[in-house]
Protein backbone atom coordinates (compact mmCIF):
# COMPACT_ATOMS: atom_id res chain seq x y z
CA MET A 1 113.07 95.95 81.11
CA SER A 2 114.12 97.50 84.41
CA VAL A 3 112.85 96.53 88.01
CA ILE A 4 112.04 99.95 89.13
CA SER A 5 110.77 102.84 87.35
CA VAL A 6 111.45 106.21 88.84
CA LEU A 7 108.84 109.04 88.16
CA MET A 8 110.39 112.43 88.54
CA PRO A 9 107.95 115.43 87.89
CA VAL A 10 110.13 118.86 87.45
CA TYR A 11 109.00 122.48 87.59
CA ASN A 12 111.46 125.16 88.33
CA ALA A 13 113.90 123.18 90.21
CA GLU A 14 117.09 123.77 88.70
CA GLU A 15 118.65 124.65 92.23
CA PHE A 16 118.00 121.34 93.94
CA LEU A 17 118.41 118.94 90.52
CA SER A 18 121.48 117.82 90.93
CA GLU A 19 121.23 116.62 94.18
CA ALA A 20 117.87 114.82 93.44
CA ILE A 21 119.01 113.02 90.18
CA HIS A 22 122.58 111.82 91.88
CA SER A 23 120.56 110.47 94.85
CA ILE A 24 119.09 108.37 92.23
CA LEU A 25 121.77 107.46 90.00
CA ASN A 26 124.02 106.59 93.07
CA GLN A 27 121.59 104.02 94.34
CA THR A 28 123.36 100.69 95.49
CA PHE A 29 120.36 98.85 93.63
CA THR A 30 121.13 99.81 90.00
CA ASP A 31 118.55 98.13 88.04
CA PHE A 32 116.12 101.08 87.52
CA GLU A 33 114.95 103.52 84.50
CA LEU A 34 114.69 107.49 85.75
CA LEU A 35 111.78 108.87 83.72
CA ILE A 36 112.11 112.70 84.07
CA CYS A 37 109.71 115.50 82.52
CA ASP A 38 110.24 118.94 82.83
CA ASP A 39 106.71 120.73 83.34
CA ALA A 40 107.17 123.77 81.14
CA SER A 41 110.04 125.34 83.69
CA LYS A 42 110.50 128.90 83.37
CA ASP A 43 114.08 128.69 84.66
CA GLY A 44 116.96 126.58 83.67
CA SER A 45 115.66 123.20 84.78
CA TYR A 46 115.47 121.84 81.10
CA ALA A 47 118.98 122.97 80.27
CA ALA A 48 120.44 121.26 83.52
CA LEU A 49 118.50 118.21 82.60
CA GLN A 50 119.79 117.78 79.08
CA ALA A 51 123.52 118.07 80.71
CA PHE A 52 122.77 114.74 82.42
CA ASN A 53 124.37 111.93 80.33
CA ASP A 54 123.24 108.56 81.57
CA PRO A 55 121.31 105.69 79.79
CA ARG A 56 118.93 105.08 82.66
CA ILE A 57 117.42 108.62 82.16
CA ARG A 58 114.54 108.97 79.76
CA LEU A 59 113.72 112.69 79.37
CA PHE A 60 110.40 114.40 78.34
CA GLN A 61 109.17 118.04 78.07
CA ASN A 62 105.73 119.29 78.22
CA GLU A 63 105.09 122.03 75.85
CA LYS A 64 102.74 123.78 78.59
CA ASN A 65 102.62 123.27 82.28
CA LEU A 66 100.29 120.55 83.16
CA GLY A 67 100.80 120.61 86.88
CA TYR A 68 102.20 117.64 89.17
CA LEU A 69 99.50 115.40 89.11
CA LYS A 70 99.08 115.21 85.09
CA THR A 71 102.62 114.96 84.76
CA CYS A 72 103.18 111.92 87.50
CA ASN A 73 100.19 110.25 85.48
CA PHE A 74 101.91 110.99 82.01
CA LEU A 75 105.08 109.55 83.43
CA ALA A 76 103.58 106.60 84.99
CA SER A 77 101.95 105.73 81.45
CA GLN A 78 105.71 105.62 80.10
CA ALA A 79 107.13 103.29 82.94
CA GLN A 80 108.49 99.82 81.97
CA GLY A 81 109.44 98.64 85.23
CA GLU A 82 108.21 95.87 87.48
CA PHE A 83 107.76 98.43 90.36
CA ILE A 84 107.40 101.92 90.18
CA THR A 85 108.49 104.69 92.55
CA PHE A 86 108.69 108.45 92.78
CA GLN A 87 111.60 111.14 93.55
CA ASP A 88 110.33 114.69 93.91
CA ALA A 89 113.00 117.10 92.03
CA ASP A 90 113.60 119.08 95.24
CA ASP A 91 114.18 116.11 97.44
CA TYR A 92 116.90 113.40 97.49
CA SER A 93 116.70 109.85 98.79
CA ARG A 94 119.38 107.68 100.73
CA ALA A 95 121.44 105.59 98.76
CA ASP A 96 120.21 102.39 99.88
CA ARG A 97 116.65 103.61 99.91
CA PHE A 98 115.79 101.04 96.75
CA ALA A 99 118.02 98.00 98.04
CA LEU A 100 116.06 98.09 101.65
CA GLN A 101 112.76 98.57 100.06
CA MET A 102 113.05 95.75 97.65
CA ALA A 103 114.45 93.61 100.28
CA LEU A 104 111.50 94.33 102.38
CA ILE A 105 109.17 93.50 99.60
CA GLN A 106 110.73 90.15 98.77
CA SER A 107 111.23 89.33 102.30
CA GLN A 108 107.64 90.00 103.35
CA ASN A 109 105.71 89.44 100.15
CA LEU A 110 104.49 92.94 100.06
CA ASP A 111 103.03 95.17 96.96
CA PHE A 112 103.34 98.39 98.47
CA VAL A 113 106.19 99.73 100.72
CA GLY A 114 107.40 103.18 102.08
CA SER A 115 109.91 104.16 104.73
CA HIS A 116 110.20 106.95 107.64
CA ALA A 117 111.28 110.49 106.28
CA GLN A 118 113.03 113.33 106.95
CA LEU A 119 112.04 117.06 106.64
CA VAL A 120 114.96 118.87 105.83
CA LYS A 121 115.78 122.76 105.22
CA SER A 122 117.90 124.03 102.19
CA ALA A 123 120.92 123.27 103.61
CA ASP A 124 120.23 119.67 104.71
CA GLU A 125 119.50 120.71 108.28
CA VAL A 126 116.83 117.80 109.61
CA VAL A 127 113.95 119.68 110.99
CA ARG A 128 111.82 116.46 111.91
CA THR A 129 111.88 112.70 111.37
CA LEU A 130 108.56 111.27 110.20
CA VAL A 131 108.05 107.86 111.71
CA TYR A 132 105.04 105.69 110.31
CA PRO A 133 103.85 102.34 111.48
CA LEU A 134 105.66 99.20 109.88
CA ASN A 135 103.50 96.24 109.16
CA ASP A 136 100.44 96.12 107.15
CA ALA A 137 97.85 95.49 110.12
CA GLN A 138 99.55 98.66 111.85
CA ILE A 139 99.12 100.64 108.63
CA LYS A 140 95.42 99.34 107.87
CA ASP A 141 94.59 100.48 111.33
CA TRP A 142 95.96 103.91 110.92
CA LEU A 143 94.34 104.30 107.49
CA ALA A 144 91.15 103.79 109.45
CA HIS A 145 91.56 106.10 112.19
CA LYS A 146 93.93 108.69 111.37
CA THR A 147 93.40 111.90 109.29
CA THR A 148 96.28 111.21 107.03
CA PRO A 149 97.94 108.22 105.68
CA PRO A 150 101.19 106.57 107.27
CA PHE A 151 103.60 107.28 104.42
CA CYS A 152 105.68 110.01 102.66
CA GLY A 153 103.81 109.95 99.26
CA ALA A 154 107.15 110.12 97.11
CA ALA A 155 109.00 107.51 99.05
CA ILE A 156 106.66 105.00 98.06
CA ILE A 157 107.55 101.99 95.98
CA PHE A 158 104.69 99.78 94.35
CA LYS A 159 104.11 96.76 92.00
CA ARG A 160 103.29 97.93 88.46
CA GLN A 161 100.28 95.80 88.65
CA LEU A 162 98.53 98.27 91.25
CA TYR A 163 99.03 100.81 88.46
CA GLU A 164 97.36 98.56 86.03
CA ASP A 165 94.45 97.79 88.36
CA ILE A 166 93.57 101.23 89.59
CA GLY A 167 95.72 103.84 87.83
CA LEU A 168 97.65 106.36 89.78
CA TYR A 169 96.25 110.03 90.49
CA ASP A 170 92.76 111.00 90.02
CA GLU A 171 92.54 113.90 88.18
CA ARG A 172 89.63 115.48 90.27
CA PHE A 173 92.58 116.32 92.71
CA ASP A 174 94.24 118.58 89.86
CA ARG A 175 95.76 121.71 91.35
CA LEU A 176 94.17 120.51 94.68
CA GLY A 177 97.13 118.46 96.35
CA ALA A 178 96.42 115.19 98.25
CA GLU A 179 96.30 113.39 94.98
CA ASP A 180 98.78 110.84 96.79
CA TYR A 181 96.64 110.46 100.01
CA ASP A 182 93.55 109.95 97.49
CA TRP A 183 95.47 107.24 95.91
CA ILE A 184 96.92 105.48 98.75
CA TYR A 185 93.41 104.92 100.20
CA ARG A 186 92.20 103.73 96.92
CA ALA A 187 95.07 101.31 96.94
CA ALA A 188 94.90 99.96 100.62
CA ASP A 189 92.51 97.95 100.15
CA GLN A 190 94.05 95.85 97.14
CA THR A 191 97.61 95.53 98.67
CA LYS A 192 99.54 94.43 101.40
CA MET A 193 101.74 97.30 102.84
CA GLY A 194 104.64 97.87 105.00
CA ASN A 195 107.21 100.72 105.93
CA VAL A 196 111.17 100.29 106.14
CA ASP A 197 112.14 101.38 109.76
CA GLU A 198 114.45 103.92 108.29
CA PRO A 199 114.16 107.38 106.96
CA LEU A 200 115.17 106.74 103.47
CA TYR A 201 113.77 109.93 101.79
CA ALA A 202 114.42 113.67 102.68
CA TYR A 203 111.59 115.98 101.88
CA ARG A 204 112.72 119.42 101.40
CA LEU A 205 111.07 122.34 103.15
CA ASN A 206 111.70 124.65 99.96
CA PRO A 207 110.67 128.71 101.05
CA GLU A 208 110.19 129.26 97.33
CA SER A 209 107.94 126.25 97.09
CA VAL A 210 105.92 125.78 100.28
CA SER A 211 102.96 124.07 98.52
CA LYS A 212 102.54 122.64 95.14
CA VAL A 213 99.17 124.24 95.05
CA ASP A 214 97.96 127.78 95.28
CA THR A 215 95.70 128.08 98.23
CA ILE A 216 95.13 131.99 97.50
CA THR A 217 93.31 131.19 93.99
CA ASN A 218 92.35 127.76 94.79
CA PRO A 219 90.87 127.46 98.28
CA LEU A 220 89.52 124.10 97.81
CA SER A 221 92.96 123.05 98.16
CA LEU A 222 93.21 123.69 101.80
CA TYR A 223 90.38 120.90 102.37
CA SER A 224 91.78 118.54 99.91
CA GLU A 225 93.33 116.24 102.81
CA ASP A 226 89.68 116.23 104.17
CA LEU A 227 88.15 115.42 100.82
CA ALA A 228 90.32 112.60 100.24
CA LYS A 229 89.53 111.17 103.50
CA ASP A 230 85.85 111.61 102.80
CA LEU A 231 85.95 109.90 99.54
CA TYR A 232 87.86 107.20 101.31
CA ARG A 233 85.02 106.60 103.96
CA PHE A 234 82.56 106.71 101.44
CA ARG A 235 83.78 104.05 99.34
CA ARG A 236 84.54 101.86 102.16
CA ASP A 237 81.13 102.22 103.24
CA HIS A 238 79.24 102.08 100.05
CA PRO A 239 81.69 99.77 97.87
CA ALA A 240 78.96 99.42 95.01
CA MET A 241 78.18 103.05 94.46
CA SER A 242 79.93 105.47 92.16
CA ASP A 243 81.48 108.50 94.33
CA VAL A 244 80.78 111.16 91.46
CA GLU A 245 77.77 112.96 93.38
CA PHE A 246 79.53 112.65 96.90
CA PHE A 247 82.70 114.35 95.49
CA GLU A 248 80.58 117.13 94.13
CA GLU A 249 78.44 117.55 97.39
CA ARG A 250 81.53 117.59 99.54
CA ARG A 251 83.34 119.99 97.35
CA ALA A 252 80.34 122.44 97.54
CA GLN A 253 80.33 122.19 101.29
CA TYR A 254 83.80 122.79 101.56
CA LEU A 255 83.56 126.03 99.37
CA GLY A 256 80.67 127.02 101.38
CA ALA A 257 82.75 126.68 104.64
CA PHE A 258 85.58 128.69 103.19
CA GLU A 259 83.58 131.55 102.06
CA VAL A 260 82.09 131.93 105.62
CA ASP A 261 85.40 131.41 107.59
CA LYS A 262 88.90 132.34 105.64
CA SER A 263 90.85 131.71 108.86
CA ARG A 264 91.94 128.32 107.78
CA LEU A 265 93.65 129.85 105.01
CA PHE A 266 95.51 132.15 107.02
CA SER A 267 96.32 129.53 109.91
CA LYS A 268 97.56 126.84 107.42
CA THR A 269 99.91 129.28 105.30
CA VAL A 270 101.55 130.67 108.66
CA TYR A 271 102.02 127.10 109.70
CA LYS A 272 103.51 125.81 106.46
CA LEU A 273 105.90 128.65 106.62
CA ALA A 274 106.90 128.09 110.28
CA ILE A 275 108.03 124.54 109.46
CA ALA A 276 110.13 126.05 106.67
CA GLY A 277 112.03 128.07 109.46
CA HIS A 278 112.21 131.62 107.63
CA ARG A 279 111.27 134.23 109.85
CA LEU A 280 111.39 137.22 107.73
CA THR A 281 108.81 135.31 105.26
CA LEU A 282 106.80 135.02 108.38
CA ILE A 283 107.05 138.51 109.30
CA ARG A 284 106.06 139.42 105.94
CA GLN A 285 103.24 136.98 105.86
CA PHE A 286 101.92 138.67 109.38
CA PHE A 287 101.27 142.26 107.61
CA ILE A 288 99.94 140.67 104.46
CA ILE A 289 97.26 138.85 106.77
CA LEU A 290 96.98 142.09 109.01
CA ALA A 291 96.08 144.01 105.61
CA ALA A 292 93.91 141.47 104.25
CA LYS A 293 90.19 141.86 103.52
CA GLY A 294 87.88 140.08 105.71
CA ALA A 295 86.84 140.61 109.71
CA PHE A 296 89.65 140.43 112.10
CA LYS A 297 88.14 137.30 113.97
CA TYR A 298 89.31 135.27 110.69
CA LYS A 299 92.61 136.71 111.16
CA LYS A 300 93.49 136.44 115.02
CA SER A 301 94.26 132.99 115.16
CA ALA A 302 96.97 133.16 112.38
CA LEU A 303 98.45 136.32 113.57
CA PHE A 304 98.84 134.99 116.90
CA MET A 305 100.41 131.81 115.51
CA ALA A 306 102.43 133.93 113.48
CA LEU A 307 103.87 135.97 116.38
CA VAL A 308 104.74 132.87 118.29
CA PHE A 309 106.56 131.20 115.32
CA ILE A 310 108.44 134.26 114.61
CA GLY A 311 109.38 134.65 118.47
CA LEU A 312 110.19 131.40 119.24
CA GLY A 313 110.80 129.42 116.06
CA TYR A 314 109.28 126.09 115.04
CA GLY A 315 111.13 124.02 116.94
CA GLY A 316 110.47 126.53 120.01
CA ALA A 317 106.85 126.68 119.41
CA GLN A 318 106.67 122.80 119.58
CA HIS A 319 108.41 122.60 122.77
CA LEU A 320 106.20 125.03 124.28
CA LYS A 321 102.94 123.09 122.98
CA ALA A 322 104.49 119.82 124.53
CA LEU A 323 105.09 121.52 127.92
CA LEU A 324 101.66 123.29 128.30
CA SER A 325 99.86 119.64 127.26
CA SER A 326 102.07 117.89 129.74
CA LYS A 327 100.85 120.48 132.21
CA GLY A 328 97.11 120.37 131.14
């Protein structure tokens, strides 16, 4: 039995697969199994996967597309390691990631460990480094007061016992996103957590896959992070109660809010494209928003954001924001 089981769902990631897989196979900590599942890709991903010949790889293929959440849950059910972690197919890990995370787990007797992370463009240009709190007390304080968890979801490694206790992702978040947020919130009260004080994981800002969910046809995905936080607070305040009715109530409220004001869709889409750093895509998006149905008042903030990012770029816009904040 391997010490670590690495879960890698794959969908149309042929361009980045080699780098992602080799970043795991070349880890300095070598006692792991790599479970890969192709989620009915339409490109050459599965053929590329079959070309790998390493006894640590266990390869699966979905007959039809199940989505990221269900594919991760399937892989978790097949895992045999004492610990479980992730590797997204278009990202990559530093070679010492597992070694440093396991060292922290053992030195501090932790159940759940992440690390800082880097946002990178396709050419491996670092756009931003995400820095998180390091110890359990700081992390729990962050979870209580911030809007998102202090982890890069794919960089987490955790004891298998946690999966046996609470499972992995809640299928109510299928095709919504933020399933990792909800899972981290559910895990928080049962684990001692930490983060390695180094960026061990590279999250790729892939313009061909700005998001794993479709915000156009599934607008509730725009509120998935809020929904996960709402559920966390509900479970914290009502530990003996089921959250089923509360989930449906909040779901209806967010869908109602979207029907009244669609500006959040436009603004969030522009921001994600800006982070990815592709001006031509932003320019196209500007005209898509301009031509979209709906009152101009719902579009104006996103159109303004798009113009700023087109003119200044993501870094320039953030610098201007910092300057304005310091003067304010």
